[in-house]
Amino acid sequence: MRAIFAALALSLALPMAGCSKDASEEAGTATIPVTVAAAGKAHVFNVEVARTDEEQARGLMFRTGLPADGGMLFPFEKPRIASFWMKNTLIPLDMVFIRADGSIDRIAENSIPESLEPVVSGGEVSAVLELAGGTAARLGIDETARVTWKDRK
């Protein structure tokens, strides 16, 4: 009888362990540091990276909060005009559109939660950094800032 319970417990534990690993990876819990240098100050954010099409499509949807030093980075294989919307995004976001050289093309501050209106870069960008709404204004981050990170694939 003990052997049956042990086998049953093991058969239930293995799929759950696999699910929890996948769930944490899908939630993007691994972060990388991104530095935004503005007005003589450097601000470091620990952000999730949305690398795949699926991760980029999901973004920060359904989140109910974001740490002050958190966010999400959307790197692109090659520079392009970027367009985002806030469908199923429950919190306001600052979207920082980043050129290939690390300069900022545009900052869309406090994007409206759940809006279907596109939020578009001003030109071709190689990445977008999403931060909690109001972060850019609070820290004095504007289009003169520079953004750097070392990607850990």
C-alpha atoms as a PDB file:
ATOM      1  CA  MET A   1       0.000   0.000   0.000  1.00  0.00           C
ATOM      2  CA  ARG A   2       2.876   2.358   0.820  1.00  0.00           C
ATOM      3  CA  ALA A   3       4.406   1.664  -2.583  1.00  0.00           C
ATOM      4  CA  ILE A   4       1.152   2.638  -4.300  1.00  0.00           C
ATOM      5  CA  PHE A   5       0.959   5.936  -2.379  1.00  0.00           C
ATOM      6  CA  ALA A   6       4.630   6.660  -3.090  1.00  0.00           C
ATOM      7  CA  ALA A   7       4.160   5.967  -6.807  1.00  0.00           C
ATOM      8  CA  LEU A   8       1.028   8.114  -6.873  1.00  0.00           C
ATOM      9  CA  ALA A   9       2.776  10.978  -5.060  1.00  0.00           C
ATOM     10  CA  LEU A  10       5.763  10.765  -7.414  1.00  0.00           C
ATOM     11  CA  SER A  11       3.561  10.693 -10.520  1.00  0.00           C
ATOM     12  CA  LEU A  12       1.751  13.819  -9.313  1.00  0.00           C
ATOM     13  CA  ALA A  13       4.913  15.642  -8.202  1.00  0.00           C
ATOM     14  CA  LEU A  14       6.841  15.275 -11.455  1.00  0.00           C
ATOM     15  CA  PRO A  15       4.315  16.999 -13.728  1.00  0.00           C
ATOM     16  CA  MET A  16       3.789  19.742 -11.130  1.00  0.00           C
ATOM     17  CA  ALA A  17       7.529  20.350 -10.866  1.00  0.00           C
ATOM     18  CA  GLY A  18       7.725  20.618 -14.626  1.00  0.00           C
ATOM     19  CA  CYS A  19       4.766  22.993 -14.676  1.00  0.00           C
ATOM     20  CA  SER A  20       6.183  25.240 -12.013  1.00  0.00           C
ATOM     21  CA  LYS A  21       9.455  25.575 -13.888  1.00  0.00           C
ATOM     22  CA  ASP A  22       7.665  26.362 -17.144  1.00  0.00           C
ATOM     23  CA  ALA A  23       5.320  28.787 -15.401  1.00  0.00           C
ATOM     24  CA  SER A  24       8.200  30.722 -13.863  1.00  0.00           C
ATOM     25  CA  GLU A  25       9.996  30.862 -17.194  1.00  0.00           C
ATOM     26  CA  GLU A  26       6.801  31.999 -18.937  1.00  0.00           C
ATOM     27  CA  ALA A  27       6.245  34.622 -16.256  1.00  0.00           C
ATOM     28  CA  GLY A  28       9.692  35.930 -17.128  1.00  0.00           C
ATOM     29  CA  THR A  29      10.985  35.921 -13.567  1.00  0.00           C
ATOM     30  CA  ALA A  30      14.620  35.972 -14.734  1.00  0.00           C
ATOM     31  CA  THR A  31      15.718  39.584 -15.105  1.00  0.00           C
ATOM     32  CA  ILE A  32      18.600  41.555 -16.567  1.00  0.00           C
ATOM     33  CA  PRO A  33      19.836  45.001 -15.502  1.00  0.00           C
ATOM     34  CA  VAL A  34      19.033  47.895 -17.849  1.00  0.00           C
ATOM     35  CA  THR A  35      20.650  51.257 -17.166  1.00  0.00           C
ATOM     36  CA  VAL A  36      19.062  54.544 -18.155  1.00  0.00           C
ATOM     37  CA  ALA A  37      21.507  57.449 -17.858  1.00  0.00           C
ATOM     38  CA  ALA A  38      19.723  60.801 -17.602  1.00  0.00           C
ATOM     39  CA  ALA A  39      20.675  64.224 -16.295  1.00  0.00           C
ATOM     40  CA  GLY A  40      23.966  62.983 -14.858  1.00  0.00           C
ATOM     41  CA  LYS A  41      22.311  60.116 -12.982  1.00  0.00           C
ATOM     42  CA  ALA A  42      22.139  56.407 -13.768  1.00  0.00           C
ATOM     43  CA  HIS A  43      18.970  54.506 -12.984  1.00  0.00           C
ATOM     44  CA  VAL A  44      19.188  50.702 -13.003  1.00  0.00           C
ATOM     45  CA  PHE A  45      16.067  48.656 -13.656  1.00  0.00           C
ATOM     46  CA  ASN A  46      15.838  44.885 -13.267  1.00  0.00           C
ATOM     47  CA  VAL A  47      13.645  43.914 -16.188  1.00  0.00           C
ATOM     48  CA  GLU A  48      12.227  40.801 -17.774  1.00  0.00           C
ATOM     49  CA  VAL A  49      13.131  40.246 -21.430  1.00  0.00           C
ATOM     50  CA  ALA A  50      10.459  39.358 -23.982  1.00  0.00           C
ATOM     51  CA  ARG A  51      12.497  37.592 -26.669  1.00  0.00           C
ATOM     52  CA  THR A  52      10.019  35.378 -28.512  1.00  0.00           C
ATOM     53  CA  ASP A  53       7.011  36.485 -30.547  1.00  0.00           C
ATOM     54  CA  GLU A  54       4.747  34.922 -27.909  1.00  0.00           C
ATOM     55  CA  GLU A  55       6.495  36.721 -25.038  1.00  0.00           C
ATOM     56  CA  GLN A  56       6.348  40.004 -26.933  1.00  0.00           C
ATOM     57  CA  ALA A  57       2.649  39.546 -27.746  1.00  0.00           C
ATOM     58  CA  ARG A  58       1.856  38.830 -24.065  1.00  0.00           C
ATOM     59  CA  GLY A  59       4.141  41.525 -22.644  1.00  0.00           C
ATOM     60  CA  LEU A  60       2.870  42.793 -19.304  1.00  0.00           C
ATOM     61  CA  MET A  61      -0.741  41.795 -19.913  1.00  0.00           C
ATOM     62  CA  PHE A  62      -2.828  40.860 -16.865  1.00  0.00           C
ATOM     63  CA  ARG A  63      -0.247  42.196 -14.372  1.00  0.00           C
ATOM     64  CA  THR A  64      -1.735  44.121 -11.482  1.00  0.00           C
ATOM     65  CA  GLY A  65       1.495  45.799 -10.451  1.00  0.00           C
ATOM     66  CA  LEU A  66       5.121  46.379 -11.346  1.00  0.00           C
ATOM     67  CA  PRO A  67       8.057  47.032  -8.996  1.00  0.00           C
ATOM     68  CA  ALA A  68       9.455  50.584  -9.078  1.00  0.00           C
ATOM     69  CA  ASP A  69      12.735  49.211 -10.456  1.00  0.00           C
ATOM     70  CA  GLY A  70      11.053  46.600 -12.690  1.00  0.00           C
ATOM     71  CA  GLY A  71       9.803  46.472 -16.230  1.00  0.00           C
ATOM     72  CA  MET A  72      10.092  44.571 -19.474  1.00  0.00           C
ATOM     73  CA  LEU A  73      12.476  44.902 -22.403  1.00  0.00           C
ATOM     74  CA  PHE A  74      11.388  44.051 -25.947  1.00  0.00           C
ATOM     75  CA  PRO A  75      14.525  43.695 -28.116  1.00  0.00           C
ATOM     76  CA  PHE A  76      14.082  43.381 -31.901  1.00  0.00           C
ATOM     77  CA  GLU A  77      16.357  41.466 -34.298  1.00  0.00           C
ATOM     78  CA  LYS A  78      16.639  44.534 -36.508  1.00  0.00           C
ATOM     79  CA  PRO A  79      15.428  48.121 -36.083  1.00  0.00           C
ATOM     80  CA  ARG A  80      11.814  48.825 -37.066  1.00  0.00           C
ATOM     81  CA  ILE A  81       8.868  51.092 -36.424  1.00  0.00           C
ATOM     82  CA  ALA A  82       7.378  49.702 -33.207  1.00  0.00           C
ATOM     83  CA  SER A  83       3.681  49.759 -32.390  1.00  0.00           C
ATOM     84  CA  PHE A  84       2.209  48.590 -29.088  1.00  0.00           C
ATOM     85  CA  TRP A  85      -1.268  48.599 -27.584  1.00  0.00           C
ATOM     86  CA  MET A  86      -2.494  48.176 -24.045  1.00  0.00           C
ATOM     87  CA  LYS A  87      -5.135  45.479 -24.602  1.00  0.00           C
ATOM     88  CA  ASN A  88      -5.410  43.392 -21.413  1.00  0.00           C
ATOM     89  CA  THR A  89      -2.712  45.524 -19.763  1.00  0.00           C
ATOM     90  CA  LEU A  90      -4.172  46.559 -16.436  1.00  0.00           C
ATOM     91  CA  ILE A  91      -1.588  49.108 -15.287  1.00  0.00           C
ATOM     92  CA  PRO A  92      -0.344  52.358 -16.884  1.00  0.00           C
ATOM     93  CA  LEU A  93       3.077  52.064 -18.487  1.00  0.00           C
ATOM     94  CA  ASP A  94       5.823  54.358 -19.708  1.00  0.00           C
ATOM     95  CA  MET A  95       7.093  53.047 -23.048  1.00  0.00           C
ATOM     96  CA  VAL A  96      10.669  54.016 -23.885  1.00  0.00           C
ATOM     97  CA  PHE A  97      11.428  53.507 -27.587  1.00  0.00           C
ATOM     98  CA  ILE A  98      15.183  52.898 -27.972  1.00  0.00           C
ATOM     99  CA  ARG A  99      17.278  53.360 -31.115  1.00  0.00           C
ATOM    100  CA  ALA A 100      20.102  50.965 -32.033  1.00  0.00           C
ATOM    101  CA  ASP A 101      22.703  53.354 -30.553  1.00  0.00           C
ATOM    102  CA  GLY A 102      20.934  53.459 -27.153  1.00  0.00           C
ATOM    103  CA  SER A 103      19.460  56.924 -27.635  1.00  0.00           C
ATOM    104  CA  ILE A 104      15.765  57.413 -26.983  1.00  0.00           C
ATOM    105  CA  ASP A 105      13.479  57.971 -29.950  1.00  0.00           C
ATOM    106  CA  ARG A 106      10.348  58.677 -27.937  1.00  0.00           C
ATOM    107  CA  ILE A 107       8.799  58.154 -24.497  1.00  0.00           C
ATOM    108  CA  ALA A 108       5.069  57.468 -24.310  1.00  0.00           C
ATOM    109  CA  GLU A 109       4.225  58.282 -20.701  1.00  0.00           C
ATOM    110  CA  ASN A 110       1.367  56.747 -18.727  1.00  0.00           C
ATOM    111  CA  SER A 111      -0.116  54.712 -21.568  1.00  0.00           C
ATOM    112  CA  ILE A 112      -3.795  54.118 -20.850  1.00  0.00           C
ATOM    113  CA  PRO A 113      -4.605  50.646 -19.459  1.00  0.00           C
ATOM    114  CA  GLU A 114      -6.652  48.412 -21.776  1.00  0.00           C
ATOM    115  CA  SER A 115      -6.599  50.959 -24.627  1.00  0.00           C
ATOM    116  CA  LEU A 116      -6.675  49.623 -28.181  1.00  0.00           C
ATOM    117  CA  GLU A 117      -5.092  52.818 -29.551  1.00  0.00           C
ATOM    118  CA  PRO A 118      -1.640  52.046 -30.976  1.00  0.00           C
ATOM    119  CA  VAL A 119       1.348  53.582 -29.228  1.00  0.00           C
ATOM    120  CA  VAL A 120       3.910  54.021 -31.997  1.00  0.00           C
ATOM    121  CA  SER A 121       7.604  54.914 -32.060  1.00  0.00           C
ATOM    122  CA  GLY A 122       8.620  58.067 -33.907  1.00  0.00           C
ATOM    123  CA  GLY A 123      11.179  56.209 -36.023  1.00  0.00           C
ATOM    124  CA  GLU A 124      12.947  52.878 -36.281  1.00  0.00           C
ATOM    125  CA  VAL A 125      13.933  51.422 -32.912  1.00  0.00           C
ATOM    126  CA  SER A 126      15.821  48.323 -31.825  1.00  0.00           C
ATOM    127  CA  ALA A 127      14.054  47.871 -28.473  1.00  0.00           C
ATOM    128  CA  VAL A 128      11.251  49.106 -26.242  1.00  0.00           C
ATOM    129  CA  LEU A 129      11.523  49.357 -22.474  1.00  0.00           C
ATOM    130  CA  GLU A 130       8.259  49.308 -20.520  1.00  0.00           C
ATOM    131  CA  LEU A 131       8.328  50.780 -17.014  1.00  0.00           C
ATOM    132  CA  ALA A 132       5.648  51.518 -14.439  1.00  0.00           C
ATOM    133  CA  GLY A 133       3.601  54.552 -15.473  1.00  0.00           C
ATOM    134  CA  GLY A 134       5.057  57.808 -14.157  1.00  0.00           C
ATOM    135  CA  THR A 135       8.610  56.457 -13.787  1.00  0.00           C
ATOM    136  CA  ALA A 136      10.091  58.639 -16.551  1.00  0.00           C
ATOM    137  CA  ALA A 137       8.681  61.850 -15.058  1.00  0.00           C
ATOM    138  CA  ARG A 138       9.573  60.849 -11.490  1.00  0.00           C
ATOM    139  CA  LEU A 139      13.210  60.160 -12.405  1.00  0.00           C
ATOM    140  CA  GLY A 140      13.641  62.938 -14.975  1.00  0.00           C
ATOM    141  CA  ILE A 141      14.094  60.519 -17.884  1.00  0.00           C
ATOM    142  CA  ASP A 142      13.560  62.209 -21.234  1.00  0.00           C
ATOM    143  CA  GLU A 143      14.697  61.847 -24.856  1.00  0.00           C
ATOM    144  CA  THR A 144      18.229  63.011 -23.951  1.00  0.00           C
ATOM    145  CA  ALA A 145      18.813  59.859 -21.855  1.00  0.00           C
ATOM    146  CA  ARG A 146      20.778  56.811 -23.012  1.00  0.00           C
ATOM    147  CA  VAL A 147      19.819  53.180 -22.422  1.00  0.00           C
ATOM    148  CA  THR A 148      22.276  50.293 -22.102  1.00  0.00           C
ATOM    149  CA  TRP A 149      22.127  46.616 -21.177  1.00  0.00           C
ATOM    150  CA  LYS A 150      24.068  43.412 -21.634  1.00  0.00           C
ATOM    151  CA  ASP A 151      21.747  40.712 -22.898  1.00  0.00           C
ATOM    152  CA  ARG A 152      22.127  37.269 -21.356  1.00  0.00           C
ATOM    153  CA  LYS A 153      20.618  34.792 -23.793  1.00  0.00           C
END
